[in-house]
């Protein structure tokens, strides 16, 4: 189905579901955008590259571009309220569940032009979505994937691990297992300060396909145990059959660290700048011949 028709299909579906003129998707210059109240969203597809051969792309991470402020973090009392909601309670159009579904649909549609390549698409799911949906996680999204002509196995559902949700790890794992049972791959994402024992236990409990670690501020962290902690993360992930990725790399020192530790994949501005520089050099040489 052509991209324009897919956009209209999902607009029709949401309009019918909400019994309003809620038609959030639109196509502009070949790129799908979404509207959620005052928030205008679209997609940045960040290449996930092989560490030893960065020119080889394994897949893409879908990142959200917004034209207004980010959705605020949920406070603990609000999180408890979501958990206490009845399983059959309907979800209003302004809920985080609807926003998360809308964002992932935008990402899926923007991935379509390159989906014929052997790439996977890594999509982050908001923990509040998993906790707000009581069962059958992935059922709604499965129709989106089917309409786009893709297979669940090409989609990696990613959960960012945060101590804010420590009391709900069991429920989050159950939700991810529901996705896995529908054929999706699953992944966990950490930041360095989140590499606690209880968080790492999630790797053993879930056996994720991928584990990512954000390298933001990694170069400024004063911790003699840093290499040991990264080795432990990589070794633990490898022991359950998963792949590791060091994300948000911005300089050569962190690139070297990724190679030393043995991360399978890398991602970040450093690589995109390097690729752009190589392409510019090649173009200059071709014109000089």
C-alpha atoms as a PDB file:
ATOM      1  CA  UNK A   1       0.000   0.000   0.000  1.00  0.00           C
ATOM      2  CA  UNK A   2       1.452   3.428  -0.939  1.00  0.00           C
ATOM      3  CA  UNK A   3       2.619   5.615   1.937  1.00  0.00           C
ATOM      4  CA  UNK A   4      -0.073   8.225   1.341  1.00  0.00           C
ATOM      5  CA  UNK A   5      -2.806   5.584   1.556  1.00  0.00           C
ATOM      6  CA  UNK A   6      -1.296   4.176   4.761  1.00  0.00           C
ATOM      7  CA  UNK A   7      -1.353   7.635   6.324  1.00  0.00           C
ATOM      8  CA  UNK A   8      -5.040   7.997   5.478  1.00  0.00           C
ATOM      9  CA  UNK A   9      -5.772   4.474   6.731  1.00  0.00           C
ATOM     10  CA  UNK A  10      -4.405   5.253  10.181  1.00  0.00           C
ATOM     11  CA  UNK A  11      -6.158   8.621  10.237  1.00  0.00           C
ATOM     12  CA  UNK A  12      -9.448   6.879   9.433  1.00  0.00           C
ATOM     13  CA  UNK A  13      -8.832   4.339  12.185  1.00  0.00           C
ATOM     14  CA  UNK A  14      -8.113   6.924  14.878  1.00  0.00           C
ATOM     15  CA  UNK A  15     -11.051   9.053  13.782  1.00  0.00           C
ATOM     16  CA  UNK A  16     -13.322   6.033  14.169  1.00  0.00           C
ATOM     17  CA  UNK A  17     -11.810   4.945  17.506  1.00  0.00           C
ATOM     18  CA  UNK A  18     -12.174   8.335  19.161  1.00  0.00           C
ATOM     19  CA  UNK A  19     -15.458   9.328  17.475  1.00  0.00           C
ATOM     20  CA  UNK A  20     -13.931  12.718  16.648  1.00  0.00           C
ATOM     21  CA  UNK A  21     -12.073  14.349  13.780  1.00  0.00           C
ATOM     22  CA  UNK A  22      -8.797  13.141  15.328  1.00  0.00           C
ATOM     23  CA  UNK A  23      -6.615  12.774  12.182  1.00  0.00           C
ATOM     24  CA  UNK A  24      -3.064  13.302  13.454  1.00  0.00           C
ATOM     25  CA  UNK A  25      -0.931  12.022  10.563  1.00  0.00           C
ATOM     26  CA  UNK A  26       0.135  13.954   7.483  1.00  0.00           C
ATOM     27  CA  UNK A  27       2.686  13.500   4.714  1.00  0.00           C
ATOM     28  CA  UNK A  28       5.003  16.335   3.712  1.00  0.00           C
ATOM     29  CA  UNK A  29       7.821  15.983   1.170  1.00  0.00           C
ATOM     30  CA  UNK A  30       7.884  12.227   1.647  1.00  0.00           C
ATOM     31  CA  UNK A  31       8.125  12.390   5.453  1.00  0.00           C
ATOM     32  CA  UNK A  32       5.310  11.379   7.807  1.00  0.00           C
ATOM     33  CA  UNK A  33       4.501  13.765  10.653  1.00  0.00           C
ATOM     34  CA  UNK A  34       2.139  13.466  13.595  1.00  0.00           C
ATOM     35  CA  UNK A  35       0.185  15.957  15.679  1.00  0.00           C
ATOM     36  CA  UNK A  36      -0.791  15.408  19.298  1.00  0.00           C
ATOM     37  CA  UNK A  37      -2.392  18.534  20.677  1.00  0.00           C
ATOM     38  CA  UNK A  38       0.312  21.237  20.511  1.00  0.00           C
ATOM     39  CA  UNK A  39       3.038  18.672  19.908  1.00  0.00           C
ATOM     40  CA  UNK A  40       4.350  18.168  16.369  1.00  0.00           C
ATOM     41  CA  UNK A  41       6.420  15.009  15.956  1.00  0.00           C
ATOM     42  CA  UNK A  42       8.457  13.296  13.297  1.00  0.00           C
ATOM     43  CA  UNK A  43      11.291  10.783  13.103  1.00  0.00           C
ATOM     44  CA  UNK A  44      15.064  10.742  13.120  1.00  0.00           C
ATOM     45  CA  UNK A  45      16.434   7.346  12.077  1.00  0.00           C
ATOM     46  CA  UNK A  46      19.813   6.916  13.773  1.00  0.00           C
ATOM     47  CA  UNK A  47      22.010   4.197  12.202  1.00  0.00           C
ATOM     48  CA  UNK A  48      23.203   1.398  14.476  1.00  0.00           C
ATOM     49  CA  UNK A  49      26.593   0.358  13.098  1.00  0.00           C
ATOM     50  CA  UNK A  50      28.899  -2.604  13.557  1.00  0.00           C
ATOM     51  CA  UNK A  51      31.681  -1.603  15.944  1.00  0.00           C
ATOM     52  CA  UNK A  52      34.504  -3.203  13.965  1.00  0.00           C
ATOM     53  CA  UNK A  53      33.107  -2.084  10.615  1.00  0.00           C
ATOM     54  CA  UNK A  54      31.137   1.150  11.077  1.00  0.00           C
ATOM     55  CA  UNK A  55      30.296   1.358   7.385  1.00  0.00           C
ATOM     56  CA  UNK A  56      27.986  -1.637   7.916  1.00  0.00           C
ATOM     57  CA  UNK A  57      24.567  -0.699   9.288  1.00  0.00           C
ATOM     58  CA  UNK A  58      22.693  -3.357  11.258  1.00  0.00           C
ATOM     59  CA  UNK A  59      19.542  -1.378  11.916  1.00  0.00           C
ATOM     60  CA  UNK A  60      18.093   1.960  12.902  1.00  0.00           C
ATOM     61  CA  UNK A  61      16.995   3.502  16.164  1.00  0.00           C
ATOM     62  CA  UNK A  62      13.870   5.634  15.807  1.00  0.00           C
ATOM     63  CA  UNK A  63      14.290   8.882  17.705  1.00  0.00           C
ATOM     64  CA  UNK A  64      11.491  11.321  18.325  1.00  0.00           C
ATOM     65  CA  UNK A  65      11.783  14.876  17.021  1.00  0.00           C
ATOM     66  CA  UNK A  66       9.316  17.270  18.653  1.00  0.00           C
ATOM     67  CA  UNK A  67       8.568  20.916  18.002  1.00  0.00           C
ATOM     68  CA  UNK A  68       7.547  21.663  21.588  1.00  0.00           C
ATOM     69  CA  UNK A  69       8.649  20.543  25.042  1.00  0.00           C
ATOM     70  CA  UNK A  70       9.072  16.873  25.901  1.00  0.00           C
ATOM     71  CA  UNK A  71       6.313  14.954  27.649  1.00  0.00           C
ATOM     72  CA  UNK A  72       6.965  15.521  31.396  1.00  0.00           C
ATOM     73  CA  UNK A  73       8.170  12.697  33.614  1.00  0.00           C
ATOM     74  CA  UNK A  74       5.519  11.020  35.691  1.00  0.00           C
ATOM     75  CA  UNK A  75       5.674  11.488  39.463  1.00  0.00           C
ATOM     76  CA  UNK A  76       5.470   8.453  41.748  1.00  0.00           C
ATOM     77  CA  UNK A  77       1.889   9.164  42.882  1.00  0.00           C
ATOM     78  CA  UNK A  78       0.779   9.467  39.227  1.00  0.00           C
ATOM     79  CA  UNK A  79       2.460   6.144  38.451  1.00  0.00           C
ATOM     80  CA  UNK A  80       0.564   4.480  41.283  1.00  0.00           C
ATOM     81  CA  UNK A  81      -2.664   5.882  39.838  1.00  0.00           C
ATOM     82  CA  UNK A  82      -1.998   4.268  36.447  1.00  0.00           C
ATOM     83  CA  UNK A  83      -1.336   0.894  38.089  1.00  0.00           C
ATOM     84  CA  UNK A  84      -4.633   1.110  39.980  1.00  0.00           C
ATOM     85  CA  UNK A  85      -6.753   1.793  36.896  1.00  0.00           C
ATOM     86  CA  UNK A  86      -9.326  -0.933  36.109  1.00  0.00           C
ATOM     87  CA  UNK A  87      -8.327  -3.219  33.261  1.00  0.00           C
ATOM     88  CA  UNK A  88     -11.368  -2.254  31.180  1.00  0.00           C
ATOM     89  CA  UNK A  89     -11.183   1.500  31.696  1.00  0.00           C
ATOM     90  CA  UNK A  90     -11.048   3.335  28.394  1.00  0.00           C
ATOM     91  CA  UNK A  91      -8.050   5.522  27.648  1.00  0.00           C
ATOM     92  CA  UNK A  92      -8.620   9.141  26.655  1.00  0.00           C
ATOM     93  CA  UNK A  93      -6.973  10.598  23.530  1.00  0.00           C
ATOM     94  CA  UNK A  94      -4.599  12.686  25.663  1.00  0.00           C
ATOM     95  CA  UNK A  95      -3.082   9.693  27.459  1.00  0.00           C
ATOM     96  CA  UNK A  96       0.535   8.622  27.230  1.00  0.00           C
ATOM     97  CA  UNK A  97      -0.615   5.344  25.679  1.00  0.00           C
ATOM     98  CA  UNK A  98      -2.142   7.113  22.706  1.00  0.00           C
ATOM     99  CA  UNK A  99       0.875   9.398  22.346  1.00  0.00           C
ATOM    100  CA  UNK A 100       3.233   6.412  22.400  1.00  0.00           C
ATOM    101  CA  UNK A 101       1.174   4.557  19.794  1.00  0.00           C
ATOM    102  CA  UNK A 102       1.022   7.630  17.585  1.00  0.00           C
ATOM    103  CA  UNK A 103       4.789   8.162  17.808  1.00  0.00           C
ATOM    104  CA  UNK A 104       5.609   4.552  16.966  1.00  0.00           C
ATOM    105  CA  UNK A 105       3.228   4.611  14.011  1.00  0.00           C
ATOM    106  CA  UNK A 106       5.003   7.719  12.681  1.00  0.00           C
ATOM    107  CA  UNK A 107       8.348   5.938  13.091  1.00  0.00           C
ATOM    108  CA  UNK A 108       7.110   2.812  11.323  1.00  0.00           C
ATOM    109  CA  UNK A 109       5.802   4.792   8.362  1.00  0.00           C
ATOM    110  CA  UNK A 110       9.059   6.733   8.045  1.00  0.00           C
ATOM    111  CA  UNK A 111      11.022   3.477   8.131  1.00  0.00           C
ATOM    112  CA  UNK A 112       9.108   2.039   5.167  1.00  0.00           C
ATOM    113  CA  UNK A 113      11.259   3.577   2.376  1.00  0.00           C
ATOM    114  CA  UNK A 114      14.313   1.611   3.600  1.00  0.00           C
ATOM    115  CA  UNK A 115      12.504  -1.422   4.987  1.00  0.00           C
ATOM    116  CA  UNK A 116      13.376  -3.526   1.928  1.00  0.00           C
ATOM    117  CA  UNK A 117      16.964  -3.613   3.203  1.00  0.00           C
ATOM    118  CA  UNK A 118      17.971  -6.225   5.822  1.00  0.00           C
ATOM    119  CA  UNK A 119      17.645  -3.722   8.661  1.00  0.00           C
ATOM    120  CA  UNK A 120      15.738  -3.863  11.919  1.00  0.00           C
ATOM    121  CA  UNK A 121      13.977  -0.893  13.487  1.00  0.00           C
ATOM    122  CA  UNK A 122      14.445  -0.240  17.183  1.00  0.00           C
ATOM    123  CA  UNK A 123      11.463   1.495  18.803  1.00  0.00           C
ATOM    124  CA  UNK A 124      11.348   2.754  22.363  1.00  0.00           C
ATOM    125  CA  UNK A 125       8.179   2.067  24.328  1.00  0.00           C
ATOM    126  CA  UNK A 126       7.329   4.342  27.225  1.00  0.00           C
ATOM    127  CA  UNK A 127       7.232   2.417  30.535  1.00  0.00           C
ATOM    128  CA  UNK A 128       3.943   4.198  31.279  1.00  0.00           C
ATOM    129  CA  UNK A 129       2.508   2.589  28.158  1.00  0.00           C
ATOM    130  CA  UNK A 130       3.417  -0.905  29.344  1.00  0.00           C
ATOM    131  CA  UNK A 131       2.012  -0.195  32.800  1.00  0.00           C
ATOM    132  CA  UNK A 132      -1.114   1.475  31.444  1.00  0.00           C
ATOM    133  CA  UNK A 133      -2.024  -1.404  29.108  1.00  0.00           C
ATOM    134  CA  UNK A 134      -3.145  -4.323  31.235  1.00  0.00           C
ATOM    135  CA  UNK A 135      -2.708  -7.173  28.743  1.00  0.00           C
ATOM    136  CA  UNK A 136      -2.074  -8.148  25.116  1.00  0.00           C
ATOM    137  CA  UNK A 137       0.853  -5.777  24.679  1.00  0.00           C
ATOM    138  CA  UNK A 138       1.696  -5.461  20.994  1.00  0.00           C
ATOM    139  CA  UNK A 139      -1.736  -6.446  19.696  1.00  0.00           C
ATOM    140  CA  UNK A 140      -2.652  -2.912  18.620  1.00  0.00           C
ATOM    141  CA  UNK A 141       0.723  -2.315  17.025  1.00  0.00           C
ATOM    142  CA  UNK A 142       0.666  -5.647  15.192  1.00  0.00           C
ATOM    143  CA  UNK A 143      -1.970  -4.315  12.792  1.00  0.00           C
ATOM    144  CA  UNK A 144       0.252  -1.308  12.063  1.00  0.00           C
ATOM    145  CA  UNK A 145       3.125  -3.618  11.175  1.00  0.00           C
ATOM    146  CA  UNK A 146       0.908  -5.825   9.029  1.00  0.00           C
ATOM    147  CA  UNK A 147      -0.473  -2.861   7.093  1.00  0.00           C
ATOM    148  CA  UNK A 148       3.083  -1.682   6.473  1.00  0.00           C
ATOM    149  CA  UNK A 149       4.052  -5.081   5.088  1.00  0.00           C
ATOM    150  CA  UNK A 150       6.644  -5.712   7.786  1.00  0.00           C
ATOM    151  CA  UNK A 151       7.293  -8.587  10.152  1.00  0.00           C
ATOM    152  CA  UNK A 152       7.364  -8.266  13.965  1.00  0.00           C
ATOM    153  CA  UNK A 153      10.797  -9.924  13.962  1.00  0.00           C
ATOM    154  CA  UNK A 154      12.201  -6.815  12.262  1.00  0.00           C
ATOM    155  CA  UNK A 155      10.957  -4.619  15.108  1.00  0.00           C
ATOM    156  CA  UNK A 156      12.881  -4.294  18.377  1.00  0.00           C
ATOM    157  CA  UNK A 157      10.775  -2.996  21.270  1.00  0.00           C
ATOM    158  CA  UNK A 158      13.090  -1.136  23.650  1.00  0.00           C
ATOM    159  CA  UNK A 159      12.566  -0.209  27.290  1.00  0.00           C
ATOM    160  CA  UNK A 160      14.733   2.437  28.973  1.00  0.00           C
ATOM    161  CA  UNK A 161      15.517   1.203  32.477  1.00  0.00           C
ATOM    162  CA  UNK A 162      15.051   3.773  35.243  1.00  0.00           C
ATOM    163  CA  UNK A 163      15.098   3.438  39.023  1.00  0.00           C
ATOM    164  CA  UNK A 164      11.840   5.445  39.052  1.00  0.00           C
ATOM    165  CA  UNK A 165      10.135   2.231  37.925  1.00  0.00           C
ATOM    166  CA  UNK A 166      12.035  -0.143  40.240  1.00  0.00           C
ATOM    167  CA  UNK A 167       8.836  -1.162  42.047  1.00  0.00           C
ATOM    168  CA  UNK A 168       7.277  -2.097  38.710  1.00  0.00           C
ATOM    169  CA  UNK A 169      10.079  -4.118  37.112  1.00  0.00           C
ATOM    170  CA  UNK A 170       8.029  -7.319  37.300  1.00  0.00           C
ATOM    171  CA  UNK A 171       5.089  -5.743  35.464  1.00  0.00           C
ATOM    172  CA  UNK A 172       7.415  -4.214  32.869  1.00  0.00           C
ATOM    173  CA  UNK A 173       9.058  -7.580  32.213  1.00  0.00           C
ATOM    174  CA  UNK A 174       5.648  -9.190  31.784  1.00  0.00           C
ATOM    175  CA  UNK A 175       4.713  -6.554  29.224  1.00  0.00           C
ATOM    176  CA  UNK A 176       7.932  -7.092  27.267  1.00  0.00           C
ATOM    177  CA  UNK A 177       7.334 -10.844  27.299  1.00  0.00           C
ATOM    178  CA  UNK A 178       3.915 -10.191  25.759  1.00  0.00           C
ATOM    179  CA  UNK A 179       5.626  -8.342  22.911  1.00  0.00           C
ATOM    180  CA  UNK A 180       8.098 -11.193  22.492  1.00  0.00           C
ATOM    181  CA  UNK A 181       5.323 -13.787  22.311  1.00  0.00           C
ATOM    182  CA  UNK A 182       3.917 -11.876  19.329  1.00  0.00           C
ATOM    183  CA  UNK A 183       7.224 -12.181  17.496  1.00  0.00           C
ATOM    184  CA  UNK A 184       8.877  -8.871  18.357  1.00  0.00           C
ATOM    185  CA  UNK A 185      12.452  -8.655  19.531  1.00  0.00           C
ATOM    186  CA  UNK A 186      12.985  -6.890  22.851  1.00  0.00           C
ATOM    187  CA  UNK A 187      15.773  -4.707  24.197  1.00  0.00           C
ATOM    188  CA  UNK A 188      16.802  -2.860  27.339  1.00  0.00           C
ATOM    189  CA  UNK A 189      18.538   0.497  27.446  1.00  0.00           C
ATOM    190  CA  UNK A 190      20.568   1.844  30.376  1.00  0.00           C
ATOM    191  CA  UNK A 191      22.501   4.929  31.284  1.00  0.00           C
ATOM    192  CA  UNK A 192      25.707   4.550  33.269  1.00  0.00           C
ATOM    193  CA  UNK A 193      24.246   5.663  36.581  1.00  0.00           C
ATOM    194  CA  UNK A 194      21.515   3.075  36.177  1.00  0.00           C
ATOM    195  CA  UNK A 195      23.851   0.072  36.127  1.00  0.00           C
ATOM    196  CA  UNK A 196      22.818  -1.098  39.585  1.00  0.00           C
ATOM    197  CA  UNK A 197      22.463  -4.704  40.651  1.00  0.00           C
ATOM    198  CA  UNK A 198      18.662  -4.711  40.552  1.00  0.00           C
ATOM    199  CA  UNK A 199      18.636  -3.168  37.075  1.00  0.00           C
ATOM    200  CA  UNK A 200      21.160  -5.659  35.743  1.00  0.00           C
ATOM    201  CA  UNK A 201      19.026  -8.484  37.100  1.00  0.00           C
ATOM    202  CA  UNK A 202      16.528  -7.523  34.397  1.00  0.00           C
ATOM    203  CA  UNK A 203      18.993  -8.793  31.787  1.00  0.00           C
ATOM    204  CA  UNK A 204      19.100 -12.217  33.409  1.00  0.00           C
ATOM    205  CA  UNK A 205      15.331 -12.281  33.860  1.00  0.00           C
ATOM    206  CA  UNK A 206      14.445 -11.143  30.322  1.00  0.00           C
ATOM    207  CA  UNK A 207      17.342 -12.420  28.160  1.00  0.00           C
ATOM    208  CA  UNK A 208      16.890  -9.433  25.815  1.00  0.00           C
ATOM    209  CA  UNK A 209      17.957  -9.563  22.191  1.00  0.00           C
ATOM    210  CA  UNK A 210      19.792  -6.237  22.551  1.00  0.00           C
ATOM    211  CA  UNK A 211      21.142  -4.165  25.422  1.00  0.00           C
ATOM    212  CA  UNK A 212      22.097  -0.541  24.863  1.00  0.00           C
ATOM    213  CA  UNK A 213      24.095   1.842  27.033  1.00  0.00           C
ATOM    214  CA  UNK A 214      24.040   5.599  26.540  1.00  0.00           C
ATOM    215  CA  UNK A 215      27.528   7.109  26.349  1.00  0.00           C
ATOM    216  CA  UNK A 216      26.286  10.613  27.191  1.00  0.00           C
ATOM    217  CA  UNK A 217      28.686  12.195  29.719  1.00  0.00           C
ATOM    218  CA  UNK A 218      30.634   8.920  29.898  1.00  0.00           C
ATOM    219  CA  UNK A 219      33.895  10.742  29.195  1.00  0.00           C
ATOM    220  CA  UNK A 220      33.373  13.015  32.200  1.00  0.00           C
ATOM    221  CA  UNK A 221      32.586  10.296  34.725  1.00  0.00           C
ATOM    222  CA  UNK A 222      35.277   9.850  37.381  1.00  0.00           C
ATOM    223  CA  UNK A 223      34.988   6.178  38.272  1.00  0.00           C
ATOM    224  CA  UNK A 224      37.872   3.702  38.389  1.00  0.00           C
ATOM    225  CA  UNK A 225      35.322   0.908  38.062  1.00  0.00           C
ATOM    226  CA  UNK A 226      33.969   2.175  34.730  1.00  0.00           C
ATOM    227  CA  UNK A 227      35.781  -0.353  32.468  1.00  0.00           C
ATOM    228  CA  UNK A 228      34.865  -3.169  34.866  1.00  0.00           C
ATOM    229  CA  UNK A 229      31.185  -2.175  34.879  1.00  0.00           C
ATOM    230  CA  UNK A 230      31.054  -1.998  31.090  1.00  0.00           C
ATOM    231  CA  UNK A 231      32.799  -5.372  30.761  1.00  0.00           C
ATOM    232  CA  UNK A 232      30.286  -6.839  33.207  1.00  0.00           C
ATOM    233  CA  UNK A 233      27.365  -5.437  31.208  1.00  0.00           C
ATOM    234  CA  UNK A 234      28.737  -6.822  27.944  1.00  0.00           C
ATOM    235  CA  UNK A 235      29.603 -10.220  29.429  1.00  0.00           C
ATOM    236  CA  UNK A 236      26.202 -10.588  31.102  1.00  0.00           C
ATOM    237  CA  UNK A 237      24.365  -9.705  27.896  1.00  0.00           C
ATOM    238  CA  UNK A 238      26.514 -12.101  25.890  1.00  0.00           C
ATOM    239  CA  UNK A 239      25.781 -14.883  28.391  1.00  0.00           C
ATOM    240  CA  UNK A 240      22.040 -14.676  27.605  1.00  0.00           C
ATOM    241  CA  UNK A 241      22.618 -14.542  23.844  1.00  0.00           C
ATOM    242  CA  UNK A 242      22.148 -10.802  23.396  1.00  0.00           C
ATOM    243  CA  UNK A 243      24.013  -8.093  21.494  1.00  0.00           C
ATOM    244  CA  UNK A 244      25.360  -4.909  23.089  1.00  0.00           C
ATOM    245  CA  UNK A 245      25.372  -1.360  21.742  1.00  0.00           C
ATOM    246  CA  UNK A 246      27.120   1.787  22.943  1.00  0.00           C
ATOM    247  CA  UNK A 247      24.928   4.737  22.010  1.00  0.00           C
ATOM    248  CA  UNK A 248      25.278   8.519  21.674  1.00  0.00           C
ATOM    249  CA  UNK A 249      29.019   8.397  20.921  1.00  0.00           C
ATOM    250  CA  UNK A 250      30.425  11.851  20.222  1.00  0.00           C
ATOM    251  CA  UNK A 251      34.223  11.502  20.247  1.00  0.00           C
ATOM    252  CA  UNK A 252      37.099   9.185  19.364  1.00  0.00           C
ATOM    253  CA  UNK A 253      37.876   8.281  22.989  1.00  0.00           C
ATOM    254  CA  UNK A 254      34.442   6.747  23.525  1.00  0.00           C
ATOM    255  CA  UNK A 255      34.697   5.066  20.118  1.00  0.00           C
ATOM    256  CA  UNK A 256      37.938   3.425  21.283  1.00  0.00           C
ATOM    257  CA  UNK A 257      36.276   2.381  24.541  1.00  0.00           C
ATOM    258  CA  UNK A 258      33.480   0.652  22.613  1.00  0.00           C
ATOM    259  CA  UNK A 259      36.052  -1.371  20.668  1.00  0.00           C
ATOM    260  CA  UNK A 260      38.064  -2.225  23.785  1.00  0.00           C
ATOM    261  CA  UNK A 261      35.051  -3.481  25.727  1.00  0.00           C
ATOM    262  CA  UNK A 262      33.735  -5.392  22.714  1.00  0.00           C
ATOM    263  CA  UNK A 263      30.357  -3.761  22.143  1.00  0.00           C
ATOM    264  CA  UNK A 264      28.736  -5.281  19.058  1.00  0.00           C
ATOM    265  CA  UNK A 265      27.182  -2.063  17.760  1.00  0.00           C
ATOM    266  CA  UNK A 266      27.768   1.664  18.028  1.00  0.00           C
ATOM    267  CA  UNK A 267      25.707   4.764  17.321  1.00  0.00           C
ATOM    268  CA  UNK A 268      26.242   8.474  17.591  1.00  0.00           C
ATOM    269  CA  UNK A 269      27.142  11.800  16.030  1.00  0.00           C
ATOM    270  CA  UNK A 270      30.825  10.839  15.851  1.00  0.00           C
ATOM    271  CA  UNK A 271      30.100   8.229  13.183  1.00  0.00           C
ATOM    272  CA  UNK A 272      27.769  10.414  11.162  1.00  0.00           C
ATOM    273  CA  UNK A 273      30.408  13.169  11.048  1.00  0.00           C
ATOM    274  CA  UNK A 274      33.034  10.631   9.985  1.00  0.00           C
ATOM    275  CA  UNK A 275      30.814   9.228   7.228  1.00  0.00           C
ATOM    276  CA  UNK A 276      29.993  12.734   5.988  1.00  0.00           C
ATOM    277  CA  UNK A 277      33.707  13.596   5.916  1.00  0.00           C
ATOM    278  CA  UNK A 278      34.539  10.455   3.928  1.00  0.00           C
ATOM    279  CA  UNK A 279      31.728  11.156   1.453  1.00  0.00           C
ATOM    280  CA  UNK A 280      32.883  14.759   1.004  1.00  0.00           C
ATOM    281  CA  UNK A 281      36.449  13.592   0.365  1.00  0.00           C
ATOM    282  CA  UNK A 282      35.298  10.991  -2.162  1.00  0.00           C
ATOM    283  CA  UNK A 283      33.193  13.597  -3.968  1.00  0.00           C
ATOM    284  CA  UNK A 284      36.139  16.015  -4.092  1.00  0.00           C
ATOM    285  CA  UNK A 285      38.463  13.327  -5.478  1.00  0.00           C
ATOM    286  CA  UNK A 286      35.935  12.258  -8.120  1.00  0.00           C
ATOM    287  CA  UNK A 287      35.638  15.828  -9.349  1.00  0.00           C
ATOM    288  CA  UNK A 288      39.411  16.201  -9.451  1.00  0.00           C
ATOM    289  CA  UNK A 289      39.852  13.192 -11.753  1.00  0.00           C
END
